[in-house]
Protein backbone atom coordinates (compact mmCIF):
# COMPACT_ATOMS: atom_id res chain seq x y z
CA MET A 1 1.31 -45.02 1.63
CA PRO A 2 -1.43 -42.36 1.44
CA PRO A 3 -3.45 -42.40 -1.80
CA GLU A 4 -2.18 -40.16 -4.57
CA LYS A 5 -4.09 -36.91 -4.83
CA GLU A 6 -5.74 -35.86 -8.06
CA TRP A 7 -3.34 -32.96 -8.65
CA GLN A 8 -0.20 -35.09 -8.36
CA GLY A 9 1.34 -35.50 -11.79
CA ASN A 10 -1.01 -32.82 -13.06
CA ALA A 11 0.44 -29.66 -11.50
CA CYS A 12 3.21 -27.17 -12.13
CA ILE A 13 4.83 -24.05 -10.73
CA VAL A 14 5.30 -21.19 -13.20
CA TYR A 15 7.59 -18.17 -13.11
CA VAL A 16 7.88 -15.23 -15.53
CA ALA A 17 11.24 -13.45 -15.76
CA TYR A 18 12.66 -10.71 -17.99
CA GLY A 19 15.72 -8.59 -17.38
CA GLN A 20 18.87 -9.63 -15.55
CA ASN A 21 17.57 -8.81 -12.07
CA ALA A 22 14.51 -11.01 -12.54
CA LEU A 23 16.57 -13.80 -14.09
CA ASP A 24 18.97 -13.75 -11.14
CA CYS A 25 16.01 -13.91 -8.77
CA VAL A 26 14.26 -16.68 -10.65
CA LYS A 27 17.33 -18.89 -10.53
CA ARG A 28 17.18 -18.76 -6.72
CA ALA A 29 13.41 -19.20 -6.79
CA ILE A 30 13.64 -22.35 -8.90
CA ILE A 31 16.34 -23.80 -6.66
CA SER A 32 13.98 -23.38 -3.71
CA ALA A 33 11.08 -24.98 -5.59
CA LYS A 34 13.25 -27.98 -6.48
CA LYS A 35 14.38 -28.31 -2.86
CA TYR A 36 10.93 -28.36 -1.27
CA LEU A 37 8.65 -29.55 -4.10
CA PRO A 38 10.95 -31.71 -6.24
CA GLU A 39 8.12 -33.72 -7.78
CA ILE A 40 6.38 -30.67 -9.28
CA PRO A 41 7.66 -29.47 -12.67
CA VAL A 42 8.76 -25.86 -13.00
CA VAL A 43 7.79 -23.80 -16.05
CA LEU A 44 9.70 -20.63 -16.89
CA VAL A 45 8.25 -18.08 -19.32
CA SER A 46 11.02 -15.82 -20.60
CA GLU A 47 13.22 -15.07 -23.58
CA LYS A 48 16.15 -17.01 -22.12
CA PRO A 49 16.17 -20.65 -20.95
CA GLY A 50 18.64 -22.31 -18.62
CA TYR A 51 17.72 -21.26 -15.07
CA GLY A 52 16.90 -24.70 -13.69
CA GLU A 53 13.42 -24.97 -15.15
CA ASP A 54 11.92 -28.22 -16.50
CA ILE A 55 10.02 -26.50 -19.29
CA HIS A 56 10.92 -23.23 -20.98
CA ILE A 57 8.23 -21.23 -22.78
CA TYR A 58 9.58 -18.53 -25.07
CA HIS A 59 7.68 -15.26 -25.12
CA THR A 60 8.81 -11.83 -26.23
CA ASP A 61 9.63 -9.18 -23.64
CA ASP A 62 6.49 -7.05 -23.94
CA ASP A 63 6.61 -4.62 -21.01
CA ILE A 64 9.25 -3.73 -18.44
CA GLY A 65 7.15 -5.14 -15.58
CA ALA A 66 6.38 -8.47 -17.33
CA ARG A 67 2.70 -8.07 -16.45
CA SER A 68 1.44 -8.46 -19.98
CA VAL A 69 3.01 -11.91 -20.07
CA LYS A 70 2.06 -12.79 -16.49
CA THR A 71 -1.63 -12.20 -17.22
CA GLN A 72 -1.46 -14.63 -20.15
CA ILE A 73 -0.06 -17.68 -18.37
CA TYR A 74 -3.34 -19.61 -18.60
CA ASP A 75 -2.77 -19.87 -22.34
CA LEU A 76 1.04 -20.02 -22.25
CA VAL A 77 1.52 -22.89 -19.77
CA PRO A 78 1.05 -26.33 -21.38
CA SER A 79 -2.59 -27.44 -21.05
CA GLU A 80 -1.47 -30.79 -19.63
CA PHE A 81 -1.08 -28.99 -16.29
CA GLU A 82 -4.52 -28.62 -14.75
CA TYR A 83 -3.26 -27.17 -11.45
CA VAL A 84 -1.02 -24.12 -11.81
CA LEU A 85 0.79 -22.17 -9.08
CA TYR A 86 2.22 -18.83 -10.19
CA LEU A 87 5.02 -17.23 -8.17
CA ASP A 88 6.78 -13.94 -8.82
CA ALA A 89 10.46 -14.29 -9.75
CA ASP A 90 11.46 -12.59 -6.48
CA THR A 91 9.88 -15.24 -4.24
CA GLU A 92 11.40 -18.18 -2.40
CA ILE A 93 9.73 -21.39 -1.24
CA VAL A 94 10.88 -22.31 2.27
CA SER A 95 8.57 -25.20 3.16
CA SER A 96 7.07 -28.28 1.55
CA ASP A 97 3.76 -27.18 3.11
CA VAL A 98 3.20 -25.21 -0.10
CA ARG A 99 1.75 -28.44 -1.49
CA VAL A 100 -1.45 -27.71 0.41
CA LEU A 101 -2.25 -24.95 -2.10
CA PHE A 102 -2.84 -27.66 -4.70
CA ASP A 103 -5.04 -29.47 -2.16
CA PHE A 104 -7.23 -26.37 -1.89
CA LEU A 105 -7.68 -26.33 -5.66
CA ASN A 106 -8.41 -30.06 -5.52
CA ASP A 107 -11.20 -29.26 -3.04
CA ALA A 108 -13.16 -27.49 -5.81
CA TRP A 109 -11.78 -23.94 -5.47
CA ASP A 110 -11.12 -22.26 -8.83
CA TRP A 111 -8.52 -19.74 -7.74
CA LEU A 112 -6.28 -18.89 -4.79
CA MET A 113 -4.90 -15.42 -4.12
CA CYS A 114 -3.35 -13.61 -1.16
CA ILE A 115 -4.41 -10.35 0.44
CA ASN A 116 -2.03 -7.41 0.51
CA PRO A 117 -0.22 -6.58 3.78
CA ALA A 118 -2.55 -5.11 6.41
CA GLN A 119 -1.84 -1.44 5.74
CA TYR A 120 -2.69 -1.95 2.05
CA VAL A 121 -5.49 -4.50 2.31
CA LEU A 122 -8.27 -2.30 0.88
CA THR A 123 -8.45 -1.06 -2.68
CA ARG A 124 -8.39 2.58 -1.60
CA GLU A 125 -4.77 2.01 -0.56
CA MET A 126 -3.73 1.21 -4.13
CA SER A 127 -3.94 4.87 -5.19
CA ARG A 128 -0.63 6.29 -6.39
CA PRO A 129 0.35 9.56 -8.11
CA ASP A 130 0.48 7.74 -11.45
CA ASN A 131 -2.77 5.72 -11.40
CA LYS A 132 -5.60 8.10 -10.43
CA GLU A 133 -7.61 7.47 -13.60
CA GLU A 134 -7.44 3.71 -13.18
CA CYS A 135 -8.38 3.86 -9.49
CA ASP A 136 -11.28 6.21 -10.21
CA GLU A 137 -12.58 3.70 -12.76
CA LEU A 138 -12.23 0.84 -10.28
CA PHE A 139 -13.99 2.65 -7.43
CA SER A 140 -16.79 3.77 -9.72
CA PHE A 141 -17.13 0.25 -11.13
CA HIS A 142 -17.36 -1.33 -7.67
CA GLY A 143 -19.30 1.55 -6.10
CA THR A 144 -16.81 1.55 -3.21
CA ASP A 145 -13.11 1.83 -2.43
CA GLU A 146 -13.32 -0.80 0.32
CA MET A 147 -12.90 -4.00 -1.68
CA LEU A 148 -10.08 -6.35 -0.79
CA GLN A 149 -6.81 -5.53 -2.51
CA LEU A 150 -5.45 -8.89 -3.62
CA ASN A 151 -1.78 -9.36 -4.41
CA GLY A 152 -0.73 -10.89 -7.73
CA GLY A 153 2.67 -12.11 -6.53
CA VAL A 154 1.34 -15.52 -5.50
CA PHE A 155 -1.77 -17.09 -7.01
CA ALA A 156 -2.96 -20.46 -8.22
CA PHE A 157 -5.78 -21.74 -10.37
CA ARG A 158 -7.37 -24.91 -11.62
CA ARG A 159 -8.13 -25.03 -15.31
CA ASN A 160 -11.80 -24.69 -16.10
CA GLU A 161 -14.07 -22.34 -18.03
CA ARG A 162 -14.39 -19.93 -15.11
CA SER A 163 -10.67 -19.48 -14.49
CA ALA A 164 -10.00 -19.18 -18.23
CA LYS A 165 -12.51 -16.33 -18.53
CA LEU A 166 -11.07 -14.58 -15.50
CA MET A 167 -7.46 -14.80 -16.68
CA ARG A 168 -8.26 -13.61 -20.18
CA GLU A 169 -10.31 -10.72 -18.81
CA TRP A 170 -7.46 -9.88 -16.43
CA HIS A 171 -5.13 -9.50 -19.42
CA LYS A 172 -7.64 -7.28 -21.24
CA GLU A 173 -8.12 -5.11 -18.17
CA TRP A 174 -4.36 -4.84 -17.63
CA ASP A 175 -3.93 -3.70 -21.23
CA LYS A 176 -6.28 -0.73 -20.71
CA TYR A 177 -3.66 1.09 -18.63
CA GLY A 178 -0.56 -1.09 -19.01
CA LYS A 179 0.71 -0.57 -15.46
CA ARG A 180 0.12 -2.59 -12.29
CA ASP A 181 -2.08 -5.66 -12.32
CA GLN A 182 -4.06 -5.45 -9.06
CA ALA A 183 -6.81 -3.02 -10.07
CA ALA A 184 -7.11 -4.89 -13.36
CA PHE A 185 -7.67 -8.14 -11.46
CA ASP A 186 -10.37 -6.59 -9.28
CA ARG A 187 -12.24 -5.34 -12.34
CA ALA A 188 -11.90 -8.73 -14.07
CA TYR A 189 -13.05 -10.62 -10.98
CA TYR A 190 -16.12 -8.39 -10.68
CA LYS A 191 -17.05 -9.26 -14.27
CA HIS A 192 -16.28 -12.98 -13.95
CA PRO A 193 -16.84 -14.18 -10.37
CA ILE A 194 -15.26 -17.50 -9.47
CA LYS A 195 -14.81 -19.64 -6.38
CA LEU A 196 -11.92 -17.66 -4.92
CA TYR A 197 -10.04 -18.86 -1.82
CA VAL A 198 -8.51 -15.76 -0.19
CA LEU A 199 -5.19 -16.56 1.51
CA GLY A 200 -3.46 -14.59 4.25
CA ASN A 201 -0.08 -12.88 4.13
CA GLU A 202 1.61 -16.02 5.43
CA TRP A 203 1.40 -17.49 1.93
CA ASN A 204 3.00 -14.41 0.41
CA THR A 205 5.23 -13.07 3.16
CA ILE A 206 6.42 -9.75 1.78
CA THR A 207 9.59 -9.14 3.74
CA ARG A 208 9.39 -5.37 3.30
CA TYR A 209 6.40 -5.37 5.68
CA LEU A 210 6.50 -8.69 7.55
CA ASP A 211 9.16 -10.64 9.39
CA ALA A 212 10.29 -13.70 7.47
CA SER A 213 9.23 -15.90 10.39
CA VAL A 214 5.62 -15.04 9.60
CA THR A 215 5.33 -17.44 6.72
CA ALA A 216 3.58 -20.66 5.81
CA GLY A 217 6.10 -21.36 3.08
CA ILE A 218 6.60 -18.53 0.56
CA LEU A 219 8.80 -15.48 1.12
CA HIS A 220 8.58 -12.50 -1.22
CA TYR A 221 11.46 -10.03 -1.61
CA PRO A 222 9.83 -7.01 -3.29
CA LEU A 223 11.59 -4.85 -5.89
CA THR A 224 14.62 -7.17 -6.15
CA ALA A 225 13.53 -8.37 -9.60
CA ARG A 226 12.66 -4.90 -10.89
CA ARG A 227 14.85 -3.52 -13.67
CA TRP A 228 13.95 0.17 -13.43
CA LYS A 229 14.19 2.83 -10.76
CA GLY A 230 11.86 5.66 -9.95
CA ARG A 231 8.36 6.23 -11.27
CA ILE A 232 7.05 5.55 -14.75
CA ASP A 233 4.03 7.76 -15.29
CA GLY A 234 2.76 6.09 -18.45
CA ARG A 235 2.38 2.53 -19.63
CA LEU A 236 5.06 -0.03 -18.89
CA ASP A 237 5.28 -0.88 -22.58
CA SER A 238 5.76 2.75 -23.70
CA GLY A 239 8.86 4.31 -25.21
CA GLU A 240 9.44 6.16 -21.94
CA ALA A 241 9.34 2.88 -20.03
CA TRP A 242 11.74 1.11 -22.37
CA GLY A 243 13.96 4.17 -22.31
CA SER A 244 14.28 3.85 -18.53
CA VAL A 245 15.78 0.40 -19.06
CA HIS A 246 17.70 1.05 -22.29
CA PRO A 247 18.15 4.85 -22.64
CA ASP A 248 19.73 4.54 -26.08
CA ARG A 249 16.85 2.50 -27.52
CA SER A 250 13.67 4.08 -26.11
CA ASP A 251 11.79 3.34 -29.33
CA LYS A 252 12.37 -0.39 -29.13
CA LYS A 253 11.22 -3.37 -27.13
CA PHE A 254 13.78 -5.81 -25.79
């Protein structure tokens, strides 16, 4: 028998899911995690338990994209787990090779994150009609629009002071604009550099752009977990945003 690795018994997979679409997706995602990585506990952060998880963490539904909660998982996931793999609800594990991500963290890397698909790999490609102000801040902050655009759908970290600072800064930066999380991560990473292992698309195979055969073990089905349609120009925790999900209760969070 090979010797047990340091992360074994000290790692978890975490999902965040709000809204029926995301909950339907996360049920499939957890089934896949149990199939290929049965020894690794699954943590679900949501309002509702009962989707196959080992540990349920209750948190209020704070924005329609769940990004406020996602950027707080360092402090939400039980501290007993030193090695944490985050996967979007609309992902599926298709190989036990995913274990190697914990090996990378065990080899003294603080954080793992995947690049965006090739046509969106630079930060200048993150510009959208609804995020010009945020992108202008990012490009000014970096002094360039040619930084790597990392994708927050699959990432992992090892608990230490550096990763804690980065995650908490990521949440603060997300809260400035309350929309997507990628530009916020780039700003946070610039402020708090860590030992970052950049992974290729094969660890986050986004099927909208890549064939499912091009994977090392994680498929990503974009938009299937989303609970709104169209464009939200303001924050994802605004009345307008909540109104797009619950038109009769646009002044309330759910």
